[in-house]
Amino acid sequence: MEITDNTRLIDLTVGQLKELVNTLLSGTTATQQRRVVKGIAGIVELFDVAPSTAQRYKDGFLAPAIQQAGKGCSFVVDVEIAKELFNNHKNQ
């Protein structure tokens, strides 16, 4: 059965509905990828600050934007969240 814009939802099987939802979701996640920067160097570049200041930012208000990126000391910072946190911190 071909699924068109005129196909009623009641006519779909569970498998067809899952396939349709997965197709729609996979199309949106590819376009909504988050931009990240890596490590202290990424924070230095993003905010144009010294490495010591970047370390303070990382340990302070940027903590919610940071995710571990593997074993060891590497981490990534979500740019959108980091900028929002920076603006909130700056306005306090």
N, C-alpha and C. Protein backbone atom coordinates (compact mmCIF):
# COMPACT_ATOMS: atom_id res chain seq x y z
N MET A 1 0.84 -1.19 0.00
CA MET A 1 0.00 0.00 0.00
C MET A 1 0.89 1.25 0.00
N GLU A 2 0.63 2.14 -0.89
CA GLU A 2 1.36 3.39 -0.98
C GLU A 2 0.74 4.41 -0.03
N ILE A 3 1.60 5.08 0.74
CA ILE A 3 1.11 6.10 1.67
C ILE A 3 1.20 7.45 0.99
N THR A 4 0.06 8.12 0.85
CA THR A 4 0.00 9.45 0.25
C THR A 4 -0.57 10.42 1.26
N ASP A 5 -0.68 11.68 0.87
CA ASP A 5 -1.27 12.69 1.75
C ASP A 5 -2.75 12.42 2.01
N ASN A 6 -3.38 11.63 1.16
CA ASN A 6 -4.80 11.33 1.30
C ASN A 6 -5.06 10.03 2.06
N THR A 7 -4.00 9.33 2.48
CA THR A 7 -4.18 8.07 3.22
C THR A 7 -4.66 8.38 4.63
N ARG A 8 -5.71 7.68 5.04
CA ARG A 8 -6.23 7.89 6.38
C ARG A 8 -5.34 7.17 7.38
N LEU A 9 -5.15 7.76 8.56
CA LEU A 9 -4.33 7.13 9.59
C LEU A 9 -4.90 5.79 10.01
N ILE A 10 -6.19 5.66 10.02
CA ILE A 10 -6.83 4.42 10.44
C ILE A 10 -6.51 3.27 9.48
N ASP A 11 -6.11 3.60 8.25
CA ASP A 11 -5.78 2.57 7.26
C ASP A 11 -4.34 2.08 7.36
N LEU A 12 -3.51 2.72 8.18
CA LEU A 12 -2.11 2.34 8.31
C LEU A 12 -1.96 1.21 9.32
N THR A 13 -1.00 0.33 9.06
CA THR A 13 -0.65 -0.68 10.06
C THR A 13 0.32 -0.04 11.05
N VAL A 14 0.56 -0.71 12.15
CA VAL A 14 1.50 -0.19 13.14
C VAL A 14 2.88 -0.04 12.51
N GLY A 15 3.30 -1.01 11.73
CA GLY A 15 4.60 -0.95 11.07
C GLY A 15 4.73 0.23 10.12
N GLN A 16 3.65 0.49 9.36
CA GLN A 16 3.67 1.62 8.43
C GLN A 16 3.72 2.93 9.20
N LEU A 17 3.00 3.01 10.30
CA LEU A 17 3.01 4.23 11.10
C LEU A 17 4.39 4.47 11.71
N LYS A 18 5.03 3.41 12.23
CA LYS A 18 6.39 3.54 12.78
C LYS A 18 7.36 4.02 11.70
N GLU A 19 7.26 3.41 10.53
CA GLU A 19 8.14 3.78 9.43
C GLU A 19 7.95 5.25 9.04
N LEU A 20 6.71 5.68 8.99
CA LEU A 20 6.40 7.07 8.65
C LEU A 20 6.96 8.03 9.69
N VAL A 21 6.75 7.71 10.96
CA VAL A 21 7.25 8.58 12.03
C VAL A 21 8.77 8.62 12.02
N ASN A 22 9.42 7.47 11.87
CA ASN A 22 10.89 7.44 11.82
C ASN A 22 11.43 8.23 10.64
N THR A 23 10.77 8.13 9.51
CA THR A 23 11.19 8.88 8.33
C THR A 23 11.09 10.38 8.58
N LEU A 24 9.99 10.80 9.18
CA LEU A 24 9.80 12.23 9.46
C LEU A 24 10.80 12.73 10.50
N LEU A 25 11.04 11.94 11.55
CA LEU A 25 11.97 12.36 12.59
C LEU A 25 13.41 12.38 12.11
N SER A 26 13.81 11.41 11.32
CA SER A 26 15.19 11.37 10.84
C SER A 26 15.47 12.54 9.91
N GLY A 27 14.48 13.03 9.22
CA GLY A 27 14.66 14.17 8.34
C GLY A 27 14.88 15.45 9.11
N THR A 28 14.28 15.59 10.30
CA THR A 28 14.43 16.82 11.07
C THR A 28 15.70 16.80 11.91
N THR A 29 16.14 15.65 12.39
CA THR A 29 17.34 15.62 13.23
C THR A 29 18.59 15.95 12.43
N ALA A 30 18.62 15.60 11.15
CA ALA A 30 19.79 15.89 10.33
C ALA A 30 19.96 17.39 10.14
N THR A 31 18.86 18.13 10.08
CA THR A 31 18.97 19.57 9.88
C THR A 31 19.12 20.33 11.19
N GLN A 32 18.91 19.67 12.32
CA GLN A 32 18.97 20.35 13.61
C GLN A 32 20.19 19.94 14.42
N GLN A 33 21.28 19.60 13.76
CA GLN A 33 22.48 19.22 14.49
C GLN A 33 23.04 20.42 15.22
N ARG A 34 23.48 20.19 16.42
CA ARG A 34 24.03 21.26 17.24
C ARG A 34 25.49 21.51 16.88
N ARG A 35 25.88 22.77 16.95
CA ARG A 35 27.28 23.14 16.74
C ARG A 35 27.99 23.03 18.08
N VAL A 36 29.15 22.41 18.09
CA VAL A 36 29.91 22.25 19.32
C VAL A 36 31.35 22.70 19.09
N VAL A 37 32.01 23.06 20.18
CA VAL A 37 33.44 23.32 20.16
C VAL A 37 34.08 22.36 21.16
N LYS A 38 35.35 22.06 20.94
CA LYS A 38 36.01 21.04 21.73
C LYS A 38 37.03 21.64 22.69
N GLY A 39 36.89 21.29 23.96
CA GLY A 39 37.89 21.59 24.97
C GLY A 39 38.02 23.06 25.33
N ILE A 40 39.04 23.32 26.12
CA ILE A 40 39.34 24.69 26.57
C ILE A 40 39.65 25.57 25.37
N ALA A 41 40.34 25.02 24.38
CA ALA A 41 40.67 25.80 23.18
C ALA A 41 39.40 26.27 22.47
N GLY A 42 38.37 25.45 22.48
CA GLY A 42 37.11 25.85 21.87
C GLY A 42 36.45 26.98 22.61
N ILE A 43 36.50 26.94 23.95
CA ILE A 43 35.93 28.02 24.76
C ILE A 43 36.73 29.30 24.55
N VAL A 44 38.06 29.18 24.48
CA VAL A 44 38.92 30.35 24.23
C VAL A 44 38.53 31.01 22.91
N GLU A 45 38.36 30.20 21.88
CA GLU A 45 38.00 30.74 20.56
C GLU A 45 36.59 31.32 20.55
N LEU A 46 35.65 30.63 21.20
CA LEU A 46 34.26 31.05 21.19
C LEU A 46 34.06 32.40 21.86
N PHE A 47 34.69 32.59 23.02
CA PHE A 47 34.48 33.82 23.78
C PHE A 47 35.65 34.80 23.71
N ASP A 48 36.71 34.43 22.98
CA ASP A 48 37.89 35.28 22.82
C ASP A 48 38.44 35.69 24.18
N VAL A 49 38.75 34.68 25.00
CA VAL A 49 39.29 34.91 26.34
C VAL A 49 40.57 34.12 26.51
N ALA A 50 41.28 34.37 27.60
CA ALA A 50 42.50 33.64 27.92
C ALA A 50 42.14 32.22 28.40
N PRO A 51 43.08 31.29 28.28
CA PRO A 51 42.81 29.93 28.74
C PRO A 51 42.41 29.84 30.22
N SER A 52 43.01 30.67 31.06
CA SER A 52 42.64 30.64 32.48
C SER A 52 41.20 31.10 32.68
N THR A 53 40.76 32.08 31.92
CA THR A 53 39.37 32.54 32.00
C THR A 53 38.44 31.47 31.44
N ALA A 54 38.85 30.82 30.37
CA ALA A 54 38.05 29.74 29.80
C ALA A 54 37.86 28.61 30.80
N GLN A 55 38.90 28.30 31.57
CA GLN A 55 38.80 27.27 32.60
C GLN A 55 37.80 27.68 33.69
N ARG A 56 37.82 28.94 34.07
CA ARG A 56 36.84 29.44 35.07
C ARG A 56 35.43 29.35 34.52
N TYR A 57 35.24 29.71 33.26
CA TYR A 57 33.92 29.60 32.63
C TYR A 57 33.45 28.14 32.66
N LYS A 58 34.37 27.23 32.28
CA LYS A 58 34.03 25.80 32.23
C LYS A 58 33.61 25.29 33.60
N ASP A 59 34.35 25.66 34.62
CA ASP A 59 34.05 25.19 35.97
C ASP A 59 32.86 25.91 36.59
N GLY A 60 32.47 27.02 36.00
CA GLY A 60 31.38 27.82 36.56
C GLY A 60 30.10 27.72 35.78
N PHE A 61 29.71 28.82 35.19
CA PHE A 61 28.38 28.92 34.58
C PHE A 61 28.20 28.10 33.30
N LEU A 62 29.28 27.66 32.65
CA LEU A 62 29.14 26.88 31.42
C LEU A 62 28.91 25.39 31.66
N ALA A 63 28.95 24.94 32.89
CA ALA A 63 28.83 23.51 33.20
C ALA A 63 27.63 22.83 32.53
N PRO A 64 26.43 23.44 32.49
CA PRO A 64 25.30 22.76 31.84
C PRO A 64 25.47 22.55 30.33
N ALA A 65 26.37 23.29 29.69
CA ALA A 65 26.56 23.18 28.25
C ALA A 65 27.65 22.17 27.87
N ILE A 66 28.28 21.56 28.87
CA ILE A 66 29.44 20.70 28.62
C ILE A 66 29.03 19.23 28.69
N GLN A 67 29.56 18.46 27.73
CA GLN A 67 29.34 17.01 27.71
C GLN A 67 30.68 16.32 27.50
N GLN A 68 30.87 15.22 28.20
CA GLN A 68 32.08 14.41 28.04
C GLN A 68 32.09 13.86 26.62
N ALA A 69 33.23 13.92 25.95
CA ALA A 69 33.31 13.48 24.56
C ALA A 69 34.17 12.24 24.40
N GLY A 70 34.23 11.41 25.41
CA GLY A 70 35.03 10.20 25.33
C GLY A 70 35.84 10.02 26.59
N LYS A 71 36.77 9.09 26.53
CA LYS A 71 37.61 8.83 27.70
C LYS A 71 38.64 9.95 27.86
N GLY A 72 39.11 10.11 29.06
CA GLY A 72 40.13 11.12 29.30
C GLY A 72 39.52 12.46 29.61
N CYS A 73 40.22 13.50 29.24
CA CYS A 73 39.83 14.85 29.60
C CYS A 73 39.08 15.60 28.52
N SER A 74 38.79 14.97 27.41
CA SER A 74 38.15 15.71 26.33
C SER A 74 36.67 15.94 26.61
N PHE A 75 36.20 17.10 26.20
CA PHE A 75 34.80 17.46 26.36
C PHE A 75 34.40 18.37 25.23
N VAL A 76 33.08 18.47 25.00
CA VAL A 76 32.56 19.38 23.99
C VAL A 76 31.58 20.33 24.65
N VAL A 77 31.45 21.51 24.06
CA VAL A 77 30.56 22.54 24.58
C VAL A 77 29.55 22.87 23.50
N ASP A 78 28.26 22.79 23.83
CA ASP A 78 27.19 23.17 22.92
C ASP A 78 27.21 24.69 22.79
N VAL A 79 27.44 25.18 21.58
CA VAL A 79 27.63 26.62 21.35
C VAL A 79 26.37 27.42 21.69
N GLU A 80 25.20 26.96 21.26
CA GLU A 80 23.97 27.71 21.52
C GLU A 80 23.70 27.85 23.01
N ILE A 81 23.83 26.75 23.73
CA ILE A 81 23.58 26.78 25.18
C ILE A 81 24.63 27.65 25.86
N ALA A 82 25.89 27.52 25.43
CA ALA A 82 26.97 28.29 26.04
C ALA A 82 26.75 29.79 25.85
N LYS A 83 26.33 30.20 24.67
CA LYS A 83 26.09 31.63 24.44
C LYS A 83 24.93 32.14 25.29
N GLU A 84 23.90 31.32 25.42
CA GLU A 84 22.76 31.70 26.25
C GLU A 84 23.18 31.83 27.72
N LEU A 85 23.96 30.86 28.20
CA LEU A 85 24.44 30.91 29.58
C LEU A 85 25.36 32.11 29.80
N PHE A 86 26.19 32.41 28.81
CA PHE A 86 27.10 33.55 28.91
C PHE A 86 26.30 34.86 29.00
N ASN A 87 25.26 35.00 28.16
CA ASN A 87 24.45 36.21 28.20
C ASN A 87 23.72 36.34 29.53
N ASN A 88 23.20 35.23 30.06
CA ASN A 88 22.54 35.27 31.37
C ASN A 88 23.52 35.63 32.47
N HIS A 89 24.72 35.09 32.39
CA HIS A 89 25.74 35.38 33.40
C HIS A 89 26.19 36.84 33.33
N LYS A 90 26.34 37.34 32.11
CA LYS A 90 26.78 38.71 31.91
C LYS A 90 25.74 39.71 32.41
N ASN A 91 24.46 39.37 32.30
CA ASN A 91 23.39 40.29 32.71
C ASN A 91 23.08 40.25 34.21
N GLN A 92 23.74 39.36 34.95
CA GLN A 92 23.48 39.29 36.39
C GLN A 92 24.27 40.31 37.15
